[in-house]
């Protein structure tokens, strides 16, 4: 194993000056989400190319350059396997990229080899963000705020007097015509039991009663569950309807394929 030379603070500043705005956008996006695939980055930052092939080539060149600079690195595993080609490569910050982001925002993020489930969940959140940006570009709505995981987490006091965290996967603010919608998003991969999902629903109801979100947004955001199958949705909807402590109107359900139509015209 060849030991890489250490990059000095002076080297970091020189490197920062050489990066384009798109380079910075890619690094910032991956820093927020932890992981992104080549395909997701292509859709987000290379969508103006004449063809998808041209966009893929340009994206691959840029990511290859950032890889050589040790700003980004690839995980050994891919999403979807070899049949998806380079679009399936998964990217995260390398050591130089992490140090560069730390210079910009002062926050340190340690890398840990992710489990398959954690990686799948993270990439699903990443893909939802990409879908939201694409929808905004086509005029579906104005994406006025996207808070991801820890950015959206809020401490609150439970009815039992215990301080805990509300931990949505995302918090969104969408402007459409004369009104604005606020949403908490929960991404479900069918890996958790129904009682676990119900505890999350009760956490939102407990948080609603604190009034904190209403002070922050003037309204309490609705909770959108993004679930893999209609059957999974039916199970959770039925359980919520049978629970007198949970207001039906607070929760909305969709599949990944129907996410944007649901946000554009919520029930």
C-alpha atoms as a PDB file:
ATOM      1  CA  UNK A   1       0.000   0.000   0.000  1.00  0.00           C
ATOM      2  CA  UNK A   2       1.441   3.350  -1.102  1.00  0.00           C
ATOM      3  CA  UNK A   3       1.218   6.059   1.537  1.00  0.00           C
ATOM      4  CA  UNK A   4      -0.277   9.242   0.113  1.00  0.00           C
ATOM      5  CA  UNK A   5       1.596  12.497   0.798  1.00  0.00           C
ATOM      6  CA  UNK A   6      -0.040  14.747   3.352  1.00  0.00           C
ATOM      7  CA  UNK A   7      -1.730  17.828   1.963  1.00  0.00           C
ATOM      8  CA  UNK A   8      -0.745  20.953   3.891  1.00  0.00           C
ATOM      9  CA  UNK A   9      -3.117  23.758   4.822  1.00  0.00           C
ATOM     10  CA  UNK A  10      -1.442  25.922   2.186  1.00  0.00           C
ATOM     11  CA  UNK A  11      -2.041  23.184  -0.402  1.00  0.00           C
ATOM     12  CA  UNK A  12      -5.697  23.088   0.612  1.00  0.00           C
ATOM     13  CA  UNK A  13      -6.146  26.813   0.018  1.00  0.00           C
ATOM     14  CA  UNK A  14      -4.415  26.582  -3.361  1.00  0.00           C
ATOM     15  CA  UNK A  15      -6.604  23.639  -4.320  1.00  0.00           C
ATOM     16  CA  UNK A  16      -9.722  25.498  -3.221  1.00  0.00           C
ATOM     17  CA  UNK A  17      -8.847  28.374  -5.546  1.00  0.00           C
ATOM     18  CA  UNK A  18      -8.578  25.973  -8.510  1.00  0.00           C
ATOM     19  CA  UNK A  19     -11.993  24.401  -8.086  1.00  0.00           C
ATOM     20  CA  UNK A  20     -14.923  25.477 -10.217  1.00  0.00           C
ATOM     21  CA  UNK A  21     -18.308  26.365  -8.765  1.00  0.00           C
ATOM     22  CA  UNK A  22     -19.645  23.044 -10.028  1.00  0.00           C
ATOM     23  CA  UNK A  23     -16.809  21.220  -8.247  1.00  0.00           C
ATOM     24  CA  UNK A  24     -17.786  22.973  -5.023  1.00  0.00           C
ATOM     25  CA  UNK A  25     -21.458  22.181  -5.556  1.00  0.00           C
ATOM     26  CA  UNK A  26     -20.668  18.484  -5.992  1.00  0.00           C
ATOM     27  CA  UNK A  27     -18.496  18.401  -2.870  1.00  0.00           C
ATOM     28  CA  UNK A  28     -21.087  20.263  -0.817  1.00  0.00           C
ATOM     29  CA  UNK A  29     -23.891  17.996  -2.000  1.00  0.00           C
ATOM     30  CA  UNK A  30     -21.965  14.836  -1.141  1.00  0.00           C
ATOM     31  CA  UNK A  31     -20.920  16.323   2.191  1.00  0.00           C
ATOM     32  CA  UNK A  32     -24.582  16.854   3.070  1.00  0.00           C
ATOM     33  CA  UNK A  33     -25.775  13.447   1.898  1.00  0.00           C
ATOM     34  CA  UNK A  34     -22.658  11.353   2.627  1.00  0.00           C
ATOM     35  CA  UNK A  35     -23.148   9.289  -0.554  1.00  0.00           C
ATOM     36  CA  UNK A  36     -24.263   9.814  -4.146  1.00  0.00           C
ATOM     37  CA  UNK A  37     -24.079   7.716  -7.297  1.00  0.00           C
ATOM     38  CA  UNK A  38     -22.622   8.820 -10.610  1.00  0.00           C
ATOM     39  CA  UNK A  39     -26.125   8.714 -12.059  1.00  0.00           C
ATOM     40  CA  UNK A  40     -27.504  11.028  -9.385  1.00  0.00           C
ATOM     41  CA  UNK A  41     -24.675  13.531  -9.816  1.00  0.00           C
ATOM     42  CA  UNK A  42     -25.103  13.426 -13.595  1.00  0.00           C
ATOM     43  CA  UNK A  43     -28.800  14.237 -13.299  1.00  0.00           C
ATOM     44  CA  UNK A  44     -28.126  17.070 -10.878  1.00  0.00           C
ATOM     45  CA  UNK A  45     -25.094  18.832 -12.362  1.00  0.00           C
ATOM     46  CA  UNK A  46     -24.840  17.747 -16.010  1.00  0.00           C
ATOM     47  CA  UNK A  47     -28.466  17.816 -17.130  1.00  0.00           C
ATOM     48  CA  UNK A  48     -27.921  20.568 -19.719  1.00  0.00           C
ATOM     49  CA  UNK A  49     -25.864  18.364 -22.046  1.00  0.00           C
ATOM     50  CA  UNK A  50     -27.450  17.481 -25.378  1.00  0.00           C
ATOM     51  CA  UNK A  51     -27.668  13.754 -24.663  1.00  0.00           C
ATOM     52  CA  UNK A  52     -27.462  11.493 -21.652  1.00  0.00           C
ATOM     53  CA  UNK A  53     -24.326   9.902 -23.102  1.00  0.00           C
ATOM     54  CA  UNK A  54     -22.624  13.285 -23.344  1.00  0.00           C
ATOM     55  CA  UNK A  55     -23.722  14.112 -19.800  1.00  0.00           C
ATOM     56  CA  UNK A  56     -22.374  10.790 -18.532  1.00  0.00           C
ATOM     57  CA  UNK A  57     -18.998  11.334 -20.211  1.00  0.00           C
ATOM     58  CA  UNK A  58     -18.686  14.859 -18.813  1.00  0.00           C
ATOM     59  CA  UNK A  59     -19.730  13.723 -15.345  1.00  0.00           C
ATOM     60  CA  UNK A  60     -17.266  10.825 -15.412  1.00  0.00           C
ATOM     61  CA  UNK A  61     -14.419  13.166 -16.409  1.00  0.00           C
ATOM     62  CA  UNK A  62     -15.162  15.601 -13.589  1.00  0.00           C
ATOM     63  CA  UNK A  63     -15.529  12.875 -10.975  1.00  0.00           C
ATOM     64  CA  UNK A  64     -12.319  11.249 -12.210  1.00  0.00           C
ATOM     65  CA  UNK A  65     -10.480  14.537 -11.727  1.00  0.00           C
ATOM     66  CA  UNK A  66     -11.876  14.951  -8.207  1.00  0.00           C
ATOM     67  CA  UNK A  67     -10.863  11.361  -7.497  1.00  0.00           C
ATOM     68  CA  UNK A  68      -7.256  12.042  -8.535  1.00  0.00           C
ATOM     69  CA  UNK A  69      -7.211  15.094  -6.282  1.00  0.00           C
ATOM     70  CA  UNK A  70      -8.389  12.862  -3.389  1.00  0.00           C
ATOM     71  CA  UNK A  71     -11.434  15.052  -2.958  1.00  0.00           C
ATOM     72  CA  UNK A  72     -13.743  12.120  -3.662  1.00  0.00           C
ATOM     73  CA  UNK A  73     -13.414   8.369  -3.459  1.00  0.00           C
ATOM     74  CA  UNK A  74     -15.516   5.418  -4.591  1.00  0.00           C
ATOM     75  CA  UNK A  75     -16.996   2.705  -2.451  1.00  0.00           C
ATOM     76  CA  UNK A  76     -16.106  -0.801  -3.560  1.00  0.00           C
ATOM     77  CA  UNK A  77     -19.747  -1.826  -3.825  1.00  0.00           C
ATOM     78  CA  UNK A  78     -22.172  -0.583  -6.459  1.00  0.00           C
ATOM     79  CA  UNK A  79     -25.910  -0.049  -6.506  1.00  0.00           C
ATOM     80  CA  UNK A  80     -27.544  -2.369  -9.010  1.00  0.00           C
ATOM     81  CA  UNK A  81     -24.346  -4.258  -9.834  1.00  0.00           C
ATOM     82  CA  UNK A  82     -22.185  -4.212 -12.943  1.00  0.00           C
ATOM     83  CA  UNK A  83     -25.114  -4.071 -15.369  1.00  0.00           C
ATOM     84  CA  UNK A  84     -25.666  -0.409 -14.445  1.00  0.00           C
ATOM     85  CA  UNK A  85     -22.121   0.524 -15.489  1.00  0.00           C
ATOM     86  CA  UNK A  86     -20.462   3.674 -14.225  1.00  0.00           C
ATOM     87  CA  UNK A  87     -23.817   5.169 -13.163  1.00  0.00           C
ATOM     88  CA  UNK A  88     -23.845   2.683 -10.276  1.00  0.00           C
ATOM     89  CA  UNK A  89     -20.571   3.885  -8.720  1.00  0.00           C
ATOM     90  CA  UNK A  90     -21.072   5.333  -5.231  1.00  0.00           C
ATOM     91  CA  UNK A  91     -19.084   8.412  -4.224  1.00  0.00           C
ATOM     92  CA  UNK A  92     -18.200   9.924  -0.869  1.00  0.00           C
ATOM     93  CA  UNK A  93     -15.687  12.496   0.364  1.00  0.00           C
ATOM     94  CA  UNK A  94     -12.068  11.401   0.506  1.00  0.00           C
ATOM     95  CA  UNK A  95      -9.653  12.713   3.127  1.00  0.00           C
ATOM     96  CA  UNK A  96      -8.739  15.883   1.201  1.00  0.00           C
ATOM     97  CA  UNK A  97     -12.367  16.598   0.354  1.00  0.00           C
ATOM     98  CA  UNK A  98     -13.350  16.217   3.997  1.00  0.00           C
ATOM     99  CA  UNK A  99     -10.598  18.609   5.094  1.00  0.00           C
ATOM    100  CA  UNK A 100     -11.622  21.109   2.436  1.00  0.00           C
ATOM    101  CA  UNK A 101     -15.239  21.020   3.578  1.00  0.00           C
ATOM    102  CA  UNK A 102     -14.072  21.425   7.165  1.00  0.00           C
ATOM    103  CA  UNK A 103     -12.222  24.589   6.133  1.00  0.00           C
ATOM    104  CA  UNK A 104     -15.459  25.893   4.656  1.00  0.00           C
ATOM    105  CA  UNK A 105     -17.926  25.031   7.431  1.00  0.00           C
ATOM    106  CA  UNK A 106     -15.812  23.992  10.424  1.00  0.00           C
ATOM    107  CA  UNK A 107     -17.634  20.667  10.805  1.00  0.00           C
ATOM    108  CA  UNK A 108     -15.842  17.343  10.964  1.00  0.00           C
ATOM    109  CA  UNK A 109     -17.508  14.252   9.532  1.00  0.00           C
ATOM    110  CA  UNK A 110     -15.851  10.934  10.212  1.00  0.00           C
ATOM    111  CA  UNK A 111     -16.191   8.164   7.646  1.00  0.00           C
ATOM    112  CA  UNK A 112     -17.448   4.749   8.680  1.00  0.00           C
ATOM    113  CA  UNK A 113     -17.946   1.834   6.297  1.00  0.00           C
ATOM    114  CA  UNK A 114     -21.736   1.813   5.885  1.00  0.00           C
ATOM    115  CA  UNK A 115     -23.963  -1.207   6.229  1.00  0.00           C
ATOM    116  CA  UNK A 116     -25.959  -2.123   3.129  1.00  0.00           C
ATOM    117  CA  UNK A 117     -29.209  -0.934   4.710  1.00  0.00           C
ATOM    118  CA  UNK A 118     -27.737   2.398   5.852  1.00  0.00           C
ATOM    119  CA  UNK A 119     -26.271   2.967   2.388  1.00  0.00           C
ATOM    120  CA  UNK A 120     -29.544   2.111   0.673  1.00  0.00           C
ATOM    121  CA  UNK A 121     -31.437   4.482   2.966  1.00  0.00           C
ATOM    122  CA  UNK A 122     -28.928   7.303   2.428  1.00  0.00           C
ATOM    123  CA  UNK A 123     -28.999   6.900  -1.354  1.00  0.00           C
ATOM    124  CA  UNK A 124     -32.803   6.881  -1.354  1.00  0.00           C
ATOM    125  CA  UNK A 125     -32.767  10.234   0.451  1.00  0.00           C
ATOM    126  CA  UNK A 126     -30.179  11.486  -2.040  1.00  0.00           C
ATOM    127  CA  UNK A 127     -32.387  10.413  -4.938  1.00  0.00           C
ATOM    128  CA  UNK A 128     -35.413  12.156  -3.452  1.00  0.00           C
ATOM    129  CA  UNK A 129     -33.394  15.381  -3.284  1.00  0.00           C
ATOM    130  CA  UNK A 130     -32.411  14.949  -6.949  1.00  0.00           C
ATOM    131  CA  UNK A 131     -36.059  14.353  -7.893  1.00  0.00           C
ATOM    132  CA  UNK A 132     -37.075  17.522  -6.054  1.00  0.00           C
ATOM    133  CA  UNK A 133     -34.507  19.629  -7.911  1.00  0.00           C
ATOM    134  CA  UNK A 134     -35.585  18.118 -11.248  1.00  0.00           C
ATOM    135  CA  UNK A 135     -39.234  18.860 -10.437  1.00  0.00           C
ATOM    136  CA  UNK A 136     -38.386  22.460  -9.578  1.00  0.00           C
ATOM    137  CA  UNK A 137     -36.542  22.830 -12.884  1.00  0.00           C
ATOM    138  CA  UNK A 138     -39.662  21.719 -14.775  1.00  0.00           C
ATOM    139  CA  UNK A 139     -41.861  24.213 -12.919  1.00  0.00           C
ATOM    140  CA  UNK A 140     -43.730  21.850 -10.575  1.00  0.00           C
ATOM    141  CA  UNK A 141     -42.997  24.031  -7.547  1.00  0.00           C
ATOM    142  CA  UNK A 142     -40.331  26.233  -5.992  1.00  0.00           C
ATOM    143  CA  UNK A 143     -38.071  24.319  -3.632  1.00  0.00           C
ATOM    144  CA  UNK A 144     -37.523  26.941  -0.953  1.00  0.00           C
ATOM    145  CA  UNK A 145     -35.894  24.744   1.708  1.00  0.00           C
ATOM    146  CA  UNK A 146     -34.408  21.254   1.965  1.00  0.00           C
ATOM    147  CA  UNK A 147     -33.063  20.159   5.342  1.00  0.00           C
ATOM    148  CA  UNK A 148     -31.454  16.714   5.358  1.00  0.00           C
ATOM    149  CA  UNK A 149     -31.351  14.424   8.367  1.00  0.00           C
ATOM    150  CA  UNK A 150     -29.404  16.212  11.158  1.00  0.00           C
ATOM    151  CA  UNK A 151     -30.215  19.609   9.594  1.00  0.00           C
ATOM    152  CA  UNK A 152     -33.904  18.837  10.183  1.00  0.00           C
ATOM    153  CA  UNK A 153     -33.627  17.248  13.630  1.00  0.00           C
ATOM    154  CA  UNK A 154     -35.156  19.146  16.549  1.00  0.00           C
ATOM    155  CA  UNK A 155     -34.927  18.591  20.330  1.00  0.00           C
ATOM    156  CA  UNK A 156     -38.165  18.617  22.292  1.00  0.00           C
ATOM    157  CA  UNK A 157     -39.638  17.628  25.629  1.00  0.00           C
ATOM    158  CA  UNK A 158     -41.884  14.541  25.600  1.00  0.00           C
ATOM    159  CA  UNK A 159     -45.143  14.403  27.593  1.00  0.00           C
ATOM    160  CA  UNK A 160     -43.151  12.472  30.222  1.00  0.00           C
ATOM    161  CA  UNK A 161     -40.643  15.309  30.604  1.00  0.00           C
ATOM    162  CA  UNK A 162     -37.791  13.599  28.750  1.00  0.00           C
ATOM    163  CA  UNK A 163     -35.686  15.561  26.261  1.00  0.00           C
ATOM    164  CA  UNK A 164     -35.441  13.716  22.958  1.00  0.00           C
ATOM    165  CA  UNK A 165     -34.958  14.388  19.240  1.00  0.00           C
ATOM    166  CA  UNK A 166     -37.452  14.453  16.420  1.00  0.00           C
ATOM    167  CA  UNK A 167     -35.472  12.863  13.590  1.00  0.00           C
ATOM    168  CA  UNK A 168     -37.113  13.221  10.166  1.00  0.00           C
ATOM    169  CA  UNK A 169     -35.148  12.094   7.136  1.00  0.00           C
ATOM    170  CA  UNK A 170     -35.866  15.427   5.427  1.00  0.00           C
ATOM    171  CA  UNK A 171     -37.789  18.639   5.962  1.00  0.00           C
ATOM    172  CA  UNK A 172     -39.105  20.479   2.907  1.00  0.00           C
ATOM    173  CA  UNK A 173     -40.632  23.823   2.129  1.00  0.00           C
ATOM    174  CA  UNK A 174     -42.349  24.090  -1.261  1.00  0.00           C
ATOM    175  CA  UNK A 175     -43.898  27.224  -2.737  1.00  0.00           C
ATOM    176  CA  UNK A 176     -46.651  26.790  -5.293  1.00  0.00           C
ATOM    177  CA  UNK A 177     -48.645  29.762  -6.575  1.00  0.00           C
ATOM    178  CA  UNK A 178     -50.040  31.643  -3.556  1.00  0.00           C
ATOM    179  CA  UNK A 179     -49.253  29.170  -0.799  1.00  0.00           C
ATOM    180  CA  UNK A 180     -46.388  27.291   0.796  1.00  0.00           C
ATOM    181  CA  UNK A 181     -46.334  23.682   1.990  1.00  0.00           C
ATOM    182  CA  UNK A 182     -44.100  22.275   4.710  1.00  0.00           C
ATOM    183  CA  UNK A 183     -43.288  18.588   4.941  1.00  0.00           C
ATOM    184  CA  UNK A 184     -41.420  16.125   7.087  1.00  0.00           C
ATOM    185  CA  UNK A 185     -40.307  13.121   5.056  1.00  0.00           C
ATOM    186  CA  UNK A 186     -39.882   9.610   6.403  1.00  0.00           C
ATOM    187  CA  UNK A 187     -38.221   7.117   4.043  1.00  0.00           C
ATOM    188  CA  UNK A 188     -39.275   3.539   4.717  1.00  0.00           C
ATOM    189  CA  UNK A 189     -37.447   0.576   3.172  1.00  0.00           C
ATOM    190  CA  UNK A 190     -39.674  -2.092   4.751  1.00  0.00           C
ATOM    191  CA  UNK A 191     -36.864  -2.896   7.180  1.00  0.00           C
ATOM    192  CA  UNK A 192     -38.679  -1.783  10.354  1.00  0.00           C
ATOM    193  CA  UNK A 193     -41.666  -3.318  12.091  1.00  0.00           C
ATOM    194  CA  UNK A 194     -45.079  -1.668  12.273  1.00  0.00           C
ATOM    195  CA  UNK A 195     -44.680  -0.848  16.011  1.00  0.00           C
ATOM    196  CA  UNK A 196     -41.462   1.030  15.204  1.00  0.00           C
ATOM    197  CA  UNK A 197     -43.261   3.060  12.525  1.00  0.00           C
ATOM    198  CA  UNK A 198     -46.106   3.806  14.919  1.00  0.00           C
ATOM    199  CA  UNK A 199     -43.659   5.078  17.534  1.00  0.00           C
ATOM    200  CA  UNK A 200     -42.327   7.488  14.922  1.00  0.00           C
ATOM    201  CA  UNK A 201     -45.873   8.663  14.196  1.00  0.00           C
ATOM    202  CA  UNK A 202     -46.469   9.283  17.899  1.00  0.00           C
ATOM    203  CA  UNK A 203     -43.208  11.239  18.092  1.00  0.00           C
ATOM    204  CA  UNK A 204     -44.555  13.647  15.457  1.00  0.00           C
ATOM    205  CA  UNK A 205     -47.818  14.039  17.357  1.00  0.00           C
ATOM    206  CA  UNK A 206     -45.924  14.692  20.590  1.00  0.00           C
ATOM    207  CA  UNK A 207     -43.769  17.279  18.811  1.00  0.00           C
ATOM    208  CA  UNK A 208     -46.863  18.926  17.336  1.00  0.00           C
ATOM    209  CA  UNK A 209     -48.218  19.477  20.834  1.00  0.00           C
ATOM    210  CA  UNK A 210     -45.068  21.365  21.879  1.00  0.00           C
ATOM    211  CA  UNK A 211     -45.834  24.149  19.381  1.00  0.00           C
ATOM    212  CA  UNK A 212     -42.159  24.441  18.408  1.00  0.00           C
ATOM    213  CA  UNK A 213     -42.685  23.736  14.719  1.00  0.00           C
ATOM    214  CA  UNK A 214     -45.599  26.167  14.575  1.00  0.00           C
ATOM    215  CA  UNK A 215     -43.300  28.885  15.930  1.00  0.00           C
ATOM    216  CA  UNK A 216     -40.685  27.984  13.321  1.00  0.00           C
ATOM    217  CA  UNK A 217     -42.971  27.609  10.281  1.00  0.00           C
ATOM    218  CA  UNK A 218     -46.293  29.209  11.369  1.00  0.00           C
ATOM    219  CA  UNK A 219     -47.903  25.800  10.664  1.00  0.00           C
ATOM    220  CA  UNK A 220     -47.077  22.220  11.589  1.00  0.00           C
ATOM    221  CA  UNK A 221     -45.592  20.363   8.594  1.00  0.00           C
ATOM    222  CA  UNK A 222     -47.432  17.276   7.401  1.00  0.00           C
ATOM    223  CA  UNK A 223     -45.579  13.968   7.548  1.00  0.00           C
ATOM    224  CA  UNK A 224     -45.036  12.236   4.208  1.00  0.00           C
ATOM    225  CA  UNK A 225     -44.204   8.552   4.402  1.00  0.00           C
ATOM    226  CA  UNK A 226     -42.346   7.346   1.293  1.00  0.00           C
ATOM    227  CA  UNK A 227     -42.927   3.598   1.267  1.00  0.00           C
ATOM    228  CA  UNK A 228     -41.884   0.866  -1.193  1.00  0.00           C
ATOM    229  CA  UNK A 229     -45.268  -0.795  -1.830  1.00  0.00           C
ATOM    230  CA  UNK A 230     -49.000  -0.002  -1.650  1.00  0.00           C
ATOM    231  CA  UNK A 231     -49.396  -2.955   0.723  1.00  0.00           C
ATOM    232  CA  UNK A 232     -46.940  -1.411   3.150  1.00  0.00           C
ATOM    233  CA  UNK A 233     -48.835   1.882   2.941  1.00  0.00           C
ATOM    234  CA  UNK A 234     -52.147   0.160   3.671  1.00  0.00           C
ATOM    235  CA  UNK A 235     -50.771  -1.485   6.809  1.00  0.00           C
ATOM    236  CA  UNK A 236     -49.537   1.798   8.285  1.00  0.00           C
ATOM    237  CA  UNK A 237     -52.639   3.763   7.262  1.00  0.00           C
ATOM    238  CA  UNK A 238     -54.871   1.159   8.889  1.00  0.00           C
ATOM    239  CA  UNK A 239     -52.865   1.250  12.116  1.00  0.00           C
ATOM    240  CA  UNK A 240     -52.962   5.063  12.251  1.00  0.00           C
ATOM    241  CA  UNK A 241     -56.724   5.126  11.601  1.00  0.00           C
ATOM    242  CA  UNK A 242     -57.251   2.714  14.494  1.00  0.00           C
ATOM    243  CA  UNK A 243     -55.226   4.870  16.910  1.00  0.00           C
ATOM    244  CA  UNK A 244     -57.395   7.601  18.441  1.00  0.00           C
ATOM    245  CA  UNK A 245     -54.348   9.584  19.529  1.00  0.00           C
ATOM    246  CA  UNK A 246     -53.147  10.131  15.957  1.00  0.00           C
ATOM    247  CA  UNK A 247     -54.896  12.577  13.587  1.00  0.00           C
ATOM    248  CA  UNK A 248     -55.309  11.032  10.115  1.00  0.00           C
ATOM    249  CA  UNK A 249     -54.820  14.389   8.416  1.00  0.00           C
ATOM    250  CA  UNK A 250     -51.263  14.703   9.733  1.00  0.00           C
ATOM    251  CA  UNK A 251     -49.929  11.779   7.684  1.00  0.00           C
ATOM    252  CA  UNK A 252     -49.677  11.372   3.912  1.00  0.00           C
ATOM    253  CA  UNK A 253     -48.387   8.324   2.048  1.00  0.00           C
ATOM    254  CA  UNK A 254     -46.720   7.751  -1.297  1.00  0.00           C
ATOM    255  CA  UNK A 255     -44.390   5.469  -3.193  1.00  0.00           C
ATOM    256  CA  UNK A 256     -41.100   6.740  -4.664  1.00  0.00           C
ATOM    257  CA  UNK A 257     -42.615   6.769  -8.163  1.00  0.00           C
ATOM    258  CA  UNK A 258     -45.549   8.946  -7.049  1.00  0.00           C
ATOM    259  CA  UNK A 259     -43.536  11.292  -4.824  1.00  0.00           C
ATOM    260  CA  UNK A 260     -43.566  14.405  -7.017  1.00  0.00           C
ATOM    261  CA  UNK A 261     -47.274  14.201  -7.988  1.00  0.00           C
ATOM    262  CA  UNK A 262     -48.141  13.770  -4.294  1.00  0.00           C
ATOM    263  CA  UNK A 263     -46.132  16.848  -3.315  1.00  0.00           C
ATOM    264  CA  UNK A 264     -47.560  18.874  -6.198  1.00  0.00           C
ATOM    265  CA  UNK A 265     -51.178  17.997  -5.376  1.00  0.00           C
ATOM    266  CA  UNK A 266     -51.315  16.611  -1.832  1.00  0.00           C
ATOM    267  CA  UNK A 267     -54.481  14.865  -0.650  1.00  0.00           C
END
